[in-house]
Amino acid sequence: IEIINIPEVFDEGRRNSECDSLEIV
């Protein structure tokens, strides 16, 4: 694993309470 991203929050603009996944690179 190199990077853990949170595209739902940072790229898609969802609120914290809507986030239900992480992106693993």
PDBML (XML) file of the C-alpha atoms, coordinates in Angstrom:
<?xml version="1.0" encoding="UTF-8" ?>
<PDBx:datablock datablockName="MODEL"
   xmlns:PDBx="http://pdbml.pdb.org/schema/pdbx-v50.xsd"
   xmlns:xsi="http://www.w3.org/2001/XMLSchema-instance"
   xsi:schemaLocation="http://pdbml.pdb.org/schema/pdbx-v50.xsd pdbx-v50.xsd">
   <PDBx:atom_siteCategory>
      <PDBx:atom_site id="1">
         <PDBx:B_iso_or_equiv>0.00</PDBx:B_iso_or_equiv>
         <PDBx:Cartn_x>0.000</PDBx:Cartn_x>
         <PDBx:Cartn_y>0.000</PDBx:Cartn_y>
         <PDBx:Cartn_z>0.000</PDBx:Cartn_z>
         <PDBx:auth_asym_id>A</PDBx:auth_asym_id>
         <PDBx:auth_atom_id>CA</PDBx:auth_atom_id>
         <PDBx:auth_comp_id>ILE</PDBx:auth_comp_id>
         <PDBx:auth_seq_id>1</PDBx:auth_seq_id>
         <PDBx:group_PDB>ATOM</PDBx:group_PDB>
         <PDBx:label_alt_id xsi:nil="true" />
         <PDBx:label_asym_id>A</PDBx:label_asym_id>
         <PDBx:label_atom_id>CA</PDBx:label_atom_id>
         <PDBx:label_comp_id>ILE</PDBx:label_comp_id>
         <PDBx:label_entity_id>1</PDBx:label_entity_id>
         <PDBx:label_seq_id>1</PDBx:label_seq_id>
         <PDBx:occupancy>1.00</PDBx:occupancy>
         <PDBx:pdbx_PDB_model_num>1</PDBx:pdbx_PDB_model_num>
         <PDBx:type_symbol>C</PDBx:type_symbol>
      </PDBx:atom_site>
      <PDBx:atom_site id="2">
         <PDBx:B_iso_or_equiv>0.00</PDBx:B_iso_or_equiv>
         <PDBx:Cartn_x>1.379</PDBx:Cartn_x>
         <PDBx:Cartn_y>3.386</PDBx:Cartn_y>
         <PDBx:Cartn_z>-1.029</PDBx:Cartn_z>
         <PDBx:auth_asym_id>A</PDBx:auth_asym_id>
         <PDBx:auth_atom_id>CA</PDBx:auth_atom_id>
         <PDBx:auth_comp_id>GLU</PDBx:auth_comp_id>
         <PDBx:auth_seq_id>2</PDBx:auth_seq_id>
         <PDBx:group_PDB>ATOM</PDBx:group_PDB>
         <PDBx:label_alt_id xsi:nil="true" />
         <PDBx:label_asym_id>A</PDBx:label_asym_id>
         <PDBx:label_atom_id>CA</PDBx:label_atom_id>
         <PDBx:label_comp_id>GLU</PDBx:label_comp_id>
         <PDBx:label_entity_id>1</PDBx:label_entity_id>
         <PDBx:label_seq_id>2</PDBx:label_seq_id>
         <PDBx:occupancy>1.00</PDBx:occupancy>
         <PDBx:pdbx_PDB_model_num>1</PDBx:pdbx_PDB_model_num>
         <PDBx:type_symbol>C</PDBx:type_symbol>
      </PDBx:atom_site>
      <PDBx:atom_site id="3">
         <PDBx:B_iso_or_equiv>0.00</PDBx:B_iso_or_equiv>
         <PDBx:Cartn_x>-1.455</PDBx:Cartn_x>
         <PDBx:Cartn_y>5.878</PDBx:Cartn_y>
         <PDBx:Cartn_z>-0.494</PDBx:Cartn_z>
         <PDBx:auth_asym_id>A</PDBx:auth_asym_id>
         <PDBx:auth_atom_id>CA</PDBx:auth_atom_id>
         <PDBx:auth_comp_id>ILE</PDBx:auth_comp_id>
         <PDBx:auth_seq_id>3</PDBx:auth_seq_id>
         <PDBx:group_PDB>ATOM</PDBx:group_PDB>
         <PDBx:label_alt_id xsi:nil="true" />
         <PDBx:label_asym_id>A</PDBx:label_asym_id>
         <PDBx:label_atom_id>CA</PDBx:label_atom_id>
         <PDBx:label_comp_id>ILE</PDBx:label_comp_id>
         <PDBx:label_entity_id>1</PDBx:label_entity_id>
         <PDBx:label_seq_id>3</PDBx:label_seq_id>
         <PDBx:occupancy>1.00</PDBx:occupancy>
         <PDBx:pdbx_PDB_model_num>1</PDBx:pdbx_PDB_model_num>
         <PDBx:type_symbol>C</PDBx:type_symbol>
      </PDBx:atom_site>
      <PDBx:atom_site id="4">
         <PDBx:B_iso_or_equiv>0.00</PDBx:B_iso_or_equiv>
         <PDBx:Cartn_x>-4.852</PDBx:Cartn_x>
         <PDBx:Cartn_y>6.027</PDBx:Cartn_y>
         <PDBx:Cartn_z>1.204</PDBx:Cartn_z>
         <PDBx:auth_asym_id>A</PDBx:auth_asym_id>
         <PDBx:auth_atom_id>CA</PDBx:auth_atom_id>
         <PDBx:auth_comp_id>ILE</PDBx:auth_comp_id>
         <PDBx:auth_seq_id>4</PDBx:auth_seq_id>
         <PDBx:group_PDB>ATOM</PDBx:group_PDB>
         <PDBx:label_alt_id xsi:nil="true" />
         <PDBx:label_asym_id>A</PDBx:label_asym_id>
         <PDBx:label_atom_id>CA</PDBx:label_atom_id>
         <PDBx:label_comp_id>ILE</PDBx:label_comp_id>
         <PDBx:label_entity_id>1</PDBx:label_entity_id>
         <PDBx:label_seq_id>4</PDBx:label_seq_id>
         <PDBx:occupancy>1.00</PDBx:occupancy>
         <PDBx:pdbx_PDB_model_num>1</PDBx:pdbx_PDB_model_num>
         <PDBx:type_symbol>C</PDBx:type_symbol>
      </PDBx:atom_site>
      <PDBx:atom_site id="5">
         <PDBx:B_iso_or_equiv>0.00</PDBx:B_iso_or_equiv>
         <PDBx:Cartn_x>-7.249</PDBx:Cartn_x>
         <PDBx:Cartn_y>8.556</PDBx:Cartn_y>
         <PDBx:Cartn_z>-0.392</PDBx:Cartn_z>
         <PDBx:auth_asym_id>A</PDBx:auth_asym_id>
         <PDBx:auth_atom_id>CA</PDBx:auth_atom_id>
         <PDBx:auth_comp_id>ASN</PDBx:auth_comp_id>
         <PDBx:auth_seq_id>5</PDBx:auth_seq_id>
         <PDBx:group_PDB>ATOM</PDBx:group_PDB>
         <PDBx:label_alt_id xsi:nil="true" />
         <PDBx:label_asym_id>A</PDBx:label_asym_id>
         <PDBx:label_atom_id>CA</PDBx:label_atom_id>
         <PDBx:label_comp_id>ASN</PDBx:label_comp_id>
         <PDBx:label_entity_id>1</PDBx:label_entity_id>
         <PDBx:label_seq_id>5</PDBx:label_seq_id>
         <PDBx:occupancy>1.00</PDBx:occupancy>
         <PDBx:pdbx_PDB_model_num>1</PDBx:pdbx_PDB_model_num>
         <PDBx:type_symbol>C</PDBx:type_symbol>
      </PDBx:atom_site>
      <PDBx:atom_site id="6">
         <PDBx:B_iso_or_equiv>0.00</PDBx:B_iso_or_equiv>
         <PDBx:Cartn_x>-10.714</PDBx:Cartn_x>
         <PDBx:Cartn_y>9.806</PDBx:Cartn_y>
         <PDBx:Cartn_z>0.500</PDBx:Cartn_z>
         <PDBx:auth_asym_id>A</PDBx:auth_asym_id>
         <PDBx:auth_atom_id>CA</PDBx:auth_atom_id>
         <PDBx:auth_comp_id>ILE</PDBx:auth_comp_id>
         <PDBx:auth_seq_id>6</PDBx:auth_seq_id>
         <PDBx:group_PDB>ATOM</PDBx:group_PDB>
         <PDBx:label_alt_id xsi:nil="true" />
         <PDBx:label_asym_id>A</PDBx:label_asym_id>
         <PDBx:label_atom_id>CA</PDBx:label_atom_id>
         <PDBx:label_comp_id>ILE</PDBx:label_comp_id>
         <PDBx:label_entity_id>1</PDBx:label_entity_id>
         <PDBx:label_seq_id>6</PDBx:label_seq_id>
         <PDBx:occupancy>1.00</PDBx:occupancy>
         <PDBx:pdbx_PDB_model_num>1</PDBx:pdbx_PDB_model_num>
         <PDBx:type_symbol>C</PDBx:type_symbol>
      </PDBx:atom_site>
      <PDBx:atom_site id="7">
         <PDBx:B_iso_or_equiv>0.00</PDBx:B_iso_or_equiv>
         <PDBx:Cartn_x>-12.195</PDBx:Cartn_x>
         <PDBx:Cartn_y>10.816</PDBx:Cartn_y>
         <PDBx:Cartn_z>-2.868</PDBx:Cartn_z>
         <PDBx:auth_asym_id>A</PDBx:auth_asym_id>
         <PDBx:auth_atom_id>CA</PDBx:auth_atom_id>
         <PDBx:auth_comp_id>PRO</PDBx:auth_comp_id>
         <PDBx:auth_seq_id>7</PDBx:auth_seq_id>
         <PDBx:group_PDB>ATOM</PDBx:group_PDB>
         <PDBx:label_alt_id xsi:nil="true" />
         <PDBx:label_asym_id>A</PDBx:label_asym_id>
         <PDBx:label_atom_id>CA</PDBx:label_atom_id>
         <PDBx:label_comp_id>PRO</PDBx:label_comp_id>
         <PDBx:label_entity_id>1</PDBx:label_entity_id>
         <PDBx:label_seq_id>7</PDBx:label_seq_id>
         <PDBx:occupancy>1.00</PDBx:occupancy>
         <PDBx:pdbx_PDB_model_num>1</PDBx:pdbx_PDB_model_num>
         <PDBx:type_symbol>C</PDBx:type_symbol>
      </PDBx:atom_site>
      <PDBx:atom_site id="8">
         <PDBx:B_iso_or_equiv>0.00</PDBx:B_iso_or_equiv>
         <PDBx:Cartn_x>-15.775</PDBx:Cartn_x>
         <PDBx:Cartn_y>10.953</PDBx:Cartn_y>
         <PDBx:Cartn_z>-1.566</PDBx:Cartn_z>
         <PDBx:auth_asym_id>A</PDBx:auth_asym_id>
         <PDBx:auth_atom_id>CA</PDBx:auth_atom_id>
         <PDBx:auth_comp_id>GLU</PDBx:auth_comp_id>
         <PDBx:auth_seq_id>8</PDBx:auth_seq_id>
         <PDBx:group_PDB>ATOM</PDBx:group_PDB>
         <PDBx:label_alt_id xsi:nil="true" />
         <PDBx:label_asym_id>A</PDBx:label_asym_id>
         <PDBx:label_atom_id>CA</PDBx:label_atom_id>
         <PDBx:label_comp_id>GLU</PDBx:label_comp_id>
         <PDBx:label_entity_id>1</PDBx:label_entity_id>
         <PDBx:label_seq_id>8</PDBx:label_seq_id>
         <PDBx:occupancy>1.00</PDBx:occupancy>
         <PDBx:pdbx_PDB_model_num>1</PDBx:pdbx_PDB_model_num>
         <PDBx:type_symbol>C</PDBx:type_symbol>
      </PDBx:atom_site>
      <PDBx:atom_site id="9">
         <PDBx:B_iso_or_equiv>0.00</PDBx:B_iso_or_equiv>
         <PDBx:Cartn_x>-14.890</PDBx:Cartn_x>
         <PDBx:Cartn_y>13.841</PDBx:Cartn_y>
         <PDBx:Cartn_z>0.731</PDBx:Cartn_z>
         <PDBx:auth_asym_id>A</PDBx:auth_asym_id>
         <PDBx:auth_atom_id>CA</PDBx:auth_atom_id>
         <PDBx:auth_comp_id>VAL</PDBx:auth_comp_id>
         <PDBx:auth_seq_id>9</PDBx:auth_seq_id>
         <PDBx:group_PDB>ATOM</PDBx:group_PDB>
         <PDBx:label_alt_id xsi:nil="true" />
         <PDBx:label_asym_id>A</PDBx:label_asym_id>
         <PDBx:label_atom_id>CA</PDBx:label_atom_id>
         <PDBx:label_comp_id>VAL</PDBx:label_comp_id>
         <PDBx:label_entity_id>1</PDBx:label_entity_id>
         <PDBx:label_seq_id>9</PDBx:label_seq_id>
         <PDBx:occupancy>1.00</PDBx:occupancy>
         <PDBx:pdbx_PDB_model_num>1</PDBx:pdbx_PDB_model_num>
         <PDBx:type_symbol>C</PDBx:type_symbol>
      </PDBx:atom_site>
      <PDBx:atom_site id="10">
         <PDBx:B_iso_or_equiv>0.00</PDBx:B_iso_or_equiv>
         <PDBx:Cartn_x>-12.099</PDBx:Cartn_x>
         <PDBx:Cartn_y>15.636</PDBx:Cartn_y>
         <PDBx:Cartn_z>-1.120</PDBx:Cartn_z>
         <PDBx:auth_asym_id>A</PDBx:auth_asym_id>
         <PDBx:auth_atom_id>CA</PDBx:auth_atom_id>
         <PDBx:auth_comp_id>PHE</PDBx:auth_comp_id>
         <PDBx:auth_seq_id>10</PDBx:auth_seq_id>
         <PDBx:group_PDB>ATOM</PDBx:group_PDB>
         <PDBx:label_alt_id xsi:nil="true" />
         <PDBx:label_asym_id>A</PDBx:label_asym_id>
         <PDBx:label_atom_id>CA</PDBx:label_atom_id>
         <PDBx:label_comp_id>PHE</PDBx:label_comp_id>
         <PDBx:label_entity_id>1</PDBx:label_entity_id>
         <PDBx:label_seq_id>10</PDBx:label_seq_id>
         <PDBx:occupancy>1.00</PDBx:occupancy>
         <PDBx:pdbx_PDB_model_num>1</PDBx:pdbx_PDB_model_num>
         <PDBx:type_symbol>C</PDBx:type_symbol>
      </PDBx:atom_site>
      <PDBx:atom_site id="11">
         <PDBx:B_iso_or_equiv>0.00</PDBx:B_iso_or_equiv>
         <PDBx:Cartn_x>-12.986</PDBx:Cartn_x>
         <PDBx:Cartn_y>15.034</PDBx:Cartn_y>
         <PDBx:Cartn_z>-4.784</PDBx:Cartn_z>
         <PDBx:auth_asym_id>A</PDBx:auth_asym_id>
         <PDBx:auth_atom_id>CA</PDBx:auth_atom_id>
         <PDBx:auth_comp_id>ASP</PDBx:auth_comp_id>
         <PDBx:auth_seq_id>11</PDBx:auth_seq_id>
         <PDBx:group_PDB>ATOM</PDBx:group_PDB>
         <PDBx:label_alt_id xsi:nil="true" />
         <PDBx:label_asym_id>A</PDBx:label_asym_id>
         <PDBx:label_atom_id>CA</PDBx:label_atom_id>
         <PDBx:label_comp_id>ASP</PDBx:label_comp_id>
         <PDBx:label_entity_id>1</PDBx:label_entity_id>
         <PDBx:label_seq_id>11</PDBx:label_seq_id>
         <PDBx:occupancy>1.00</PDBx:occupancy>
         <PDBx:pdbx_PDB_model_num>1</PDBx:pdbx_PDB_model_num>
         <PDBx:type_symbol>C</PDBx:type_symbol>
      </PDBx:atom_site>
      <PDBx:atom_site id="12">
         <PDBx:B_iso_or_equiv>0.00</PDBx:B_iso_or_equiv>
         <PDBx:Cartn_x>-16.746</PDBx:Cartn_x>
         <PDBx:Cartn_y>14.543</PDBx:Cartn_y>
         <PDBx:Cartn_z>-4.718</PDBx:Cartn_z>
         <PDBx:auth_asym_id>A</PDBx:auth_asym_id>
         <PDBx:auth_atom_id>CA</PDBx:auth_atom_id>
         <PDBx:auth_comp_id>GLU</PDBx:auth_comp_id>
         <PDBx:auth_seq_id>12</PDBx:auth_seq_id>
         <PDBx:group_PDB>ATOM</PDBx:group_PDB>
         <PDBx:label_alt_id xsi:nil="true" />
         <PDBx:label_asym_id>A</PDBx:label_asym_id>
         <PDBx:label_atom_id>CA</PDBx:label_atom_id>
         <PDBx:label_comp_id>GLU</PDBx:label_comp_id>
         <PDBx:label_entity_id>1</PDBx:label_entity_id>
         <PDBx:label_seq_id>12</PDBx:label_seq_id>
         <PDBx:occupancy>1.00</PDBx:occupancy>
         <PDBx:pdbx_PDB_model_num>1</PDBx:pdbx_PDB_model_num>
         <PDBx:type_symbol>C</PDBx:type_symbol>
      </PDBx:atom_site>
      <PDBx:atom_site id="13">
         <PDBx:B_iso_or_equiv>0.00</PDBx:B_iso_or_equiv>
         <PDBx:Cartn_x>-17.493</PDBx:Cartn_x>
         <PDBx:Cartn_y>17.053</PDBx:Cartn_y>
         <PDBx:Cartn_z>-1.962</PDBx:Cartn_z>
         <PDBx:auth_asym_id>A</PDBx:auth_asym_id>
         <PDBx:auth_atom_id>CA</PDBx:auth_atom_id>
         <PDBx:auth_comp_id>GLY</PDBx:auth_comp_id>
         <PDBx:auth_seq_id>13</PDBx:auth_seq_id>
         <PDBx:group_PDB>ATOM</PDBx:group_PDB>
         <PDBx:label_alt_id xsi:nil="true" />
         <PDBx:label_asym_id>A</PDBx:label_asym_id>
         <PDBx:label_atom_id>CA</PDBx:label_atom_id>
         <PDBx:label_comp_id>GLY</PDBx:label_comp_id>
         <PDBx:label_entity_id>1</PDBx:label_entity_id>
         <PDBx:label_seq_id>13</PDBx:label_seq_id>
         <PDBx:occupancy>1.00</PDBx:occupancy>
         <PDBx:pdbx_PDB_model_num>1</PDBx:pdbx_PDB_model_num>
         <PDBx:type_symbol>C</PDBx:type_symbol>
      </PDBx:atom_site>
      <PDBx:atom_site id="14">
         <PDBx:B_iso_or_equiv>0.00</PDBx:B_iso_or_equiv>
         <PDBx:Cartn_x>-19.561</PDBx:Cartn_x>
         <PDBx:Cartn_y>14.707</PDBx:Cartn_y>
         <PDBx:Cartn_z>0.160</PDBx:Cartn_z>
         <PDBx:auth_asym_id>A</PDBx:auth_asym_id>
         <PDBx:auth_atom_id>CA</PDBx:auth_atom_id>
         <PDBx:auth_comp_id>ARG</PDBx:auth_comp_id>
         <PDBx:auth_seq_id>14</PDBx:auth_seq_id>
         <PDBx:group_PDB>ATOM</PDBx:group_PDB>
         <PDBx:label_alt_id xsi:nil="true" />
         <PDBx:label_asym_id>A</PDBx:label_asym_id>
         <PDBx:label_atom_id>CA</PDBx:label_atom_id>
         <PDBx:label_comp_id>ARG</PDBx:label_comp_id>
         <PDBx:label_entity_id>1</PDBx:label_entity_id>
         <PDBx:label_seq_id>14</PDBx:label_seq_id>
         <PDBx:occupancy>1.00</PDBx:occupancy>
         <PDBx:pdbx_PDB_model_num>1</PDBx:pdbx_PDB_model_num>
         <PDBx:type_symbol>C</PDBx:type_symbol>
      </PDBx:atom_site>
      <PDBx:atom_site id="15">
         <PDBx:B_iso_or_equiv>0.00</PDBx:B_iso_or_equiv>
         <PDBx:Cartn_x>-20.017</PDBx:Cartn_x>
         <PDBx:Cartn_y>15.468</PDBx:Cartn_y>
         <PDBx:Cartn_z>3.826</PDBx:Cartn_z>
         <PDBx:auth_asym_id>A</PDBx:auth_asym_id>
         <PDBx:auth_atom_id>CA</PDBx:auth_atom_id>
         <PDBx:auth_comp_id>ARG</PDBx:auth_comp_id>
         <PDBx:auth_seq_id>15</PDBx:auth_seq_id>
         <PDBx:group_PDB>ATOM</PDBx:group_PDB>
         <PDBx:label_alt_id xsi:nil="true" />
         <PDBx:label_asym_id>A</PDBx:label_asym_id>
         <PDBx:label_atom_id>CA</PDBx:label_atom_id>
         <PDBx:label_comp_id>ARG</PDBx:label_comp_id>
         <PDBx:label_entity_id>1</PDBx:label_entity_id>
         <PDBx:label_seq_id>15</PDBx:label_seq_id>
         <PDBx:occupancy>1.00</PDBx:occupancy>
         <PDBx:pdbx_PDB_model_num>1</PDBx:pdbx_PDB_model_num>
         <PDBx:type_symbol>C</PDBx:type_symbol>
      </PDBx:atom_site>
      <PDBx:atom_site id="16">
         <PDBx:B_iso_or_equiv>0.00</PDBx:B_iso_or_equiv>
         <PDBx:Cartn_x>-18.098</PDBx:Cartn_x>
         <PDBx:Cartn_y>13.419</PDBx:Cartn_y>
         <PDBx:Cartn_z>6.360</PDBx:Cartn_z>
         <PDBx:auth_asym_id>A</PDBx:auth_asym_id>
         <PDBx:auth_atom_id>CA</PDBx:auth_atom_id>
         <PDBx:auth_comp_id>ASN</PDBx:auth_comp_id>
         <PDBx:auth_seq_id>16</PDBx:auth_seq_id>
         <PDBx:group_PDB>ATOM</PDBx:group_PDB>
         <PDBx:label_alt_id xsi:nil="true" />
         <PDBx:label_asym_id>A</PDBx:label_asym_id>
         <PDBx:label_atom_id>CA</PDBx:label_atom_id>
         <PDBx:label_comp_id>ASN</PDBx:label_comp_id>
         <PDBx:label_entity_id>1</PDBx:label_entity_id>
         <PDBx:label_seq_id>16</PDBx:label_seq_id>
         <PDBx:occupancy>1.00</PDBx:occupancy>
         <PDBx:pdbx_PDB_model_num>1</PDBx:pdbx_PDB_model_num>
         <PDBx:type_symbol>C</PDBx:type_symbol>
      </PDBx:atom_site>
      <PDBx:atom_site id="17">
         <PDBx:B_iso_or_equiv>0.00</PDBx:B_iso_or_equiv>
         <PDBx:Cartn_x>-21.272</PDBx:Cartn_x>
         <PDBx:Cartn_y>11.597</PDBx:Cartn_y>
         <PDBx:Cartn_z>7.387</PDBx:Cartn_z>
         <PDBx:auth_asym_id>A</PDBx:auth_asym_id>
         <PDBx:auth_atom_id>CA</PDBx:auth_atom_id>
         <PDBx:auth_comp_id>SER</PDBx:auth_comp_id>
         <PDBx:auth_seq_id>17</PDBx:auth_seq_id>
         <PDBx:group_PDB>ATOM</PDBx:group_PDB>
         <PDBx:label_alt_id xsi:nil="true" />
         <PDBx:label_asym_id>A</PDBx:label_asym_id>
         <PDBx:label_atom_id>CA</PDBx:label_atom_id>
         <PDBx:label_comp_id>SER</PDBx:label_comp_id>
         <PDBx:label_entity_id>1</PDBx:label_entity_id>
         <PDBx:label_seq_id>17</PDBx:label_seq_id>
         <PDBx:occupancy>1.00</PDBx:occupancy>
         <PDBx:pdbx_PDB_model_num>1</PDBx:pdbx_PDB_model_num>
         <PDBx:type_symbol>C</PDBx:type_symbol>
      </PDBx:atom_site>
      <PDBx:atom_site id="18">
         <PDBx:B_iso_or_equiv>0.00</PDBx:B_iso_or_equiv>
         <PDBx:Cartn_x>-21.849</PDBx:Cartn_x>
         <PDBx:Cartn_y>10.444</PDBx:Cartn_y>
         <PDBx:Cartn_z>3.789</PDBx:Cartn_z>
         <PDBx:auth_asym_id>A</PDBx:auth_asym_id>
         <PDBx:auth_atom_id>CA</PDBx:auth_atom_id>
         <PDBx:auth_comp_id>GLU</PDBx:auth_comp_id>
         <PDBx:auth_seq_id>18</PDBx:auth_seq_id>
         <PDBx:group_PDB>ATOM</PDBx:group_PDB>
         <PDBx:label_alt_id xsi:nil="true" />
         <PDBx:label_asym_id>A</PDBx:label_asym_id>
         <PDBx:label_atom_id>CA</PDBx:label_atom_id>
         <PDBx:label_comp_id>GLU</PDBx:label_comp_id>
         <PDBx:label_entity_id>1</PDBx:label_entity_id>
         <PDBx:label_seq_id>18</PDBx:label_seq_id>
         <PDBx:occupancy>1.00</PDBx:occupancy>
         <PDBx:pdbx_PDB_model_num>1</PDBx:pdbx_PDB_model_num>
         <PDBx:type_symbol>C</PDBx:type_symbol>
      </PDBx:atom_site>
      <PDBx:atom_site id="19">
         <PDBx:B_iso_or_equiv>0.00</PDBx:B_iso_or_equiv>
         <PDBx:Cartn_x>-18.420</PDBx:Cartn_x>
         <PDBx:Cartn_y>8.885</PDBx:Cartn_y>
         <PDBx:Cartn_z>3.275</PDBx:Cartn_z>
         <PDBx:auth_asym_id>A</PDBx:auth_asym_id>
         <PDBx:auth_atom_id>CA</PDBx:auth_atom_id>
         <PDBx:auth_comp_id>CYS</PDBx:auth_comp_id>
         <PDBx:auth_seq_id>19</PDBx:auth_seq_id>
         <PDBx:group_PDB>ATOM</PDBx:group_PDB>
         <PDBx:label_alt_id xsi:nil="true" />
         <PDBx:label_asym_id>A</PDBx:label_asym_id>
         <PDBx:label_atom_id>CA</PDBx:label_atom_id>
         <PDBx:label_comp_id>CYS</PDBx:label_comp_id>
         <PDBx:label_entity_id>1</PDBx:label_entity_id>
         <PDBx:label_seq_id>19</PDBx:label_seq_id>
         <PDBx:occupancy>1.00</PDBx:occupancy>
         <PDBx:pdbx_PDB_model_num>1</PDBx:pdbx_PDB_model_num>
         <PDBx:type_symbol>C</PDBx:type_symbol>
      </PDBx:atom_site>
      <PDBx:atom_site id="20">
         <PDBx:B_iso_or_equiv>0.00</PDBx:B_iso_or_equiv>
         <PDBx:Cartn_x>-18.416</PDBx:Cartn_x>
         <PDBx:Cartn_y>5.097</PDBx:Cartn_y>
         <PDBx:Cartn_z>3.326</PDBx:Cartn_z>
         <PDBx:auth_asym_id>A</PDBx:auth_asym_id>
         <PDBx:auth_atom_id>CA</PDBx:auth_atom_id>
         <PDBx:auth_comp_id>ASP</PDBx:auth_comp_id>
         <PDBx:auth_seq_id>20</PDBx:auth_seq_id>
         <PDBx:group_PDB>ATOM</PDBx:group_PDB>
         <PDBx:label_alt_id xsi:nil="true" />
         <PDBx:label_asym_id>A</PDBx:label_asym_id>
         <PDBx:label_atom_id>CA</PDBx:label_atom_id>
         <PDBx:label_comp_id>ASP</PDBx:label_comp_id>
         <PDBx:label_entity_id>1</PDBx:label_entity_id>
         <PDBx:label_seq_id>20</PDBx:label_seq_id>
         <PDBx:occupancy>1.00</PDBx:occupancy>
         <PDBx:pdbx_PDB_model_num>1</PDBx:pdbx_PDB_model_num>
         <PDBx:type_symbol>C</PDBx:type_symbol>
      </PDBx:atom_site>
      <PDBx:atom_site id="21">
         <PDBx:B_iso_or_equiv>0.00</PDBx:B_iso_or_equiv>
         <PDBx:Cartn_x>-15.253</PDBx:Cartn_x>
         <PDBx:Cartn_y>4.118</PDBx:Cartn_y>
         <PDBx:Cartn_z>1.473</PDBx:Cartn_z>
         <PDBx:auth_asym_id>A</PDBx:auth_asym_id>
         <PDBx:auth_atom_id>CA</PDBx:auth_atom_id>
         <PDBx:auth_comp_id>SER</PDBx:auth_comp_id>
         <PDBx:auth_seq_id>21</PDBx:auth_seq_id>
         <PDBx:group_PDB>ATOM</PDBx:group_PDB>
         <PDBx:label_alt_id xsi:nil="true" />
         <PDBx:label_asym_id>A</PDBx:label_asym_id>
         <PDBx:label_atom_id>CA</PDBx:label_atom_id>
         <PDBx:label_comp_id>SER</PDBx:label_comp_id>
         <PDBx:label_entity_id>1</PDBx:label_entity_id>
         <PDBx:label_seq_id>21</PDBx:label_seq_id>
         <PDBx:occupancy>1.00</PDBx:occupancy>
         <PDBx:pdbx_PDB_model_num>1</PDBx:pdbx_PDB_model_num>
         <PDBx:type_symbol>C</PDBx:type_symbol>
      </PDBx:atom_site>
      <PDBx:atom_site id="22">
         <PDBx:B_iso_or_equiv>0.00</PDBx:B_iso_or_equiv>
         <PDBx:Cartn_x>-11.533</PDBx:Cartn_x>
         <PDBx:Cartn_y>4.731</PDBx:Cartn_y>
         <PDBx:Cartn_z>1.143</PDBx:Cartn_z>
         <PDBx:auth_asym_id>A</PDBx:auth_asym_id>
         <PDBx:auth_atom_id>CA</PDBx:auth_atom_id>
         <PDBx:auth_comp_id>LEU</PDBx:auth_comp_id>
         <PDBx:auth_seq_id>22</PDBx:auth_seq_id>
         <PDBx:group_PDB>ATOM</PDBx:group_PDB>
         <PDBx:label_alt_id xsi:nil="true" />
         <PDBx:label_asym_id>A</PDBx:label_asym_id>
         <PDBx:label_atom_id>CA</PDBx:label_atom_id>
         <PDBx:label_comp_id>LEU</PDBx:label_comp_id>
         <PDBx:label_entity_id>1</PDBx:label_entity_id>
         <PDBx:label_seq_id>22</PDBx:label_seq_id>
         <PDBx:occupancy>1.00</PDBx:occupancy>
         <PDBx:pdbx_PDB_model_num>1</PDBx:pdbx_PDB_model_num>
         <PDBx:type_symbol>C</PDBx:type_symbol>
      </PDBx:atom_site>
      <PDBx:atom_site id="23">
         <PDBx:B_iso_or_equiv>0.00</PDBx:B_iso_or_equiv>
         <PDBx:Cartn_x>-9.382</PDBx:Cartn_x>
         <PDBx:Cartn_y>4.446</PDBx:Cartn_y>
         <PDBx:Cartn_z>-1.947</PDBx:Cartn_z>
         <PDBx:auth_asym_id>A</PDBx:auth_asym_id>
         <PDBx:auth_atom_id>CA</PDBx:auth_atom_id>
         <PDBx:auth_comp_id>GLU</PDBx:auth_comp_id>
         <PDBx:auth_seq_id>23</PDBx:auth_seq_id>
         <PDBx:group_PDB>ATOM</PDBx:group_PDB>
         <PDBx:label_alt_id xsi:nil="true" />
         <PDBx:label_asym_id>A</PDBx:label_asym_id>
         <PDBx:label_atom_id>CA</PDBx:label_atom_id>
         <PDBx:label_comp_id>GLU</PDBx:label_comp_id>
         <PDBx:label_entity_id>1</PDBx:label_entity_id>
         <PDBx:label_seq_id>23</PDBx:label_seq_id>
         <PDBx:occupancy>1.00</PDBx:occupancy>
         <PDBx:pdbx_PDB_model_num>1</PDBx:pdbx_PDB_model_num>
         <PDBx:type_symbol>C</PDBx:type_symbol>
      </PDBx:atom_site>
      <PDBx:atom_site id="24">
         <PDBx:B_iso_or_equiv>0.00</PDBx:B_iso_or_equiv>
         <PDBx:Cartn_x>-6.270</PDBx:Cartn_x>
         <PDBx:Cartn_y>2.314</PDBx:Cartn_y>
         <PDBx:Cartn_z>-1.565</PDBx:Cartn_z>
         <PDBx:auth_asym_id>A</PDBx:auth_asym_id>
         <PDBx:auth_atom_id>CA</PDBx:auth_atom_id>
         <PDBx:auth_comp_id>ILE</PDBx:auth_comp_id>
         <PDBx:auth_seq_id>24</PDBx:auth_seq_id>
         <PDBx:group_PDB>ATOM</PDBx:group_PDB>
         <PDBx:label_alt_id xsi:nil="true" />
         <PDBx:label_asym_id>A</PDBx:label_asym_id>
         <PDBx:label_atom_id>CA</PDBx:label_atom_id>
         <PDBx:label_comp_id>ILE</PDBx:label_comp_id>
         <PDBx:label_entity_id>1</PDBx:label_entity_id>
         <PDBx:label_seq_id>24</PDBx:label_seq_id>
         <PDBx:occupancy>1.00</PDBx:occupancy>
         <PDBx:pdbx_PDB_model_num>1</PDBx:pdbx_PDB_model_num>
         <PDBx:type_symbol>C</PDBx:type_symbol>
      </PDBx:atom_site>
      <PDBx:atom_site id="25">
         <PDBx:B_iso_or_equiv>0.00</PDBx:B_iso_or_equiv>
         <PDBx:Cartn_x>-3.480</PDBx:Cartn_x>
         <PDBx:Cartn_y>2.862</PDBx:Cartn_y>
         <PDBx:Cartn_z>-4.056</PDBx:Cartn_z>
         <PDBx:auth_asym_id>A</PDBx:auth_asym_id>
         <PDBx:auth_atom_id>CA</PDBx:auth_atom_id>
         <PDBx:auth_comp_id>VAL</PDBx:auth_comp_id>
         <PDBx:auth_seq_id>25</PDBx:auth_seq_id>
         <PDBx:group_PDB>ATOM</PDBx:group_PDB>
         <PDBx:label_alt_id xsi:nil="true" />
         <PDBx:label_asym_id>A</PDBx:label_asym_id>
         <PDBx:label_atom_id>CA</PDBx:label_atom_id>
         <PDBx:label_comp_id>VAL</PDBx:label_comp_id>
         <PDBx:label_entity_id>1</PDBx:label_entity_id>
         <PDBx:label_seq_id>25</PDBx:label_seq_id>
         <PDBx:occupancy>1.00</PDBx:occupancy>
         <PDBx:pdbx_PDB_model_num>1</PDBx:pdbx_PDB_model_num>
         <PDBx:type_symbol>C</PDBx:type_symbol>
      </PDBx:atom_site>
   </PDBx:atom_siteCategory>
</PDBx:datablock>
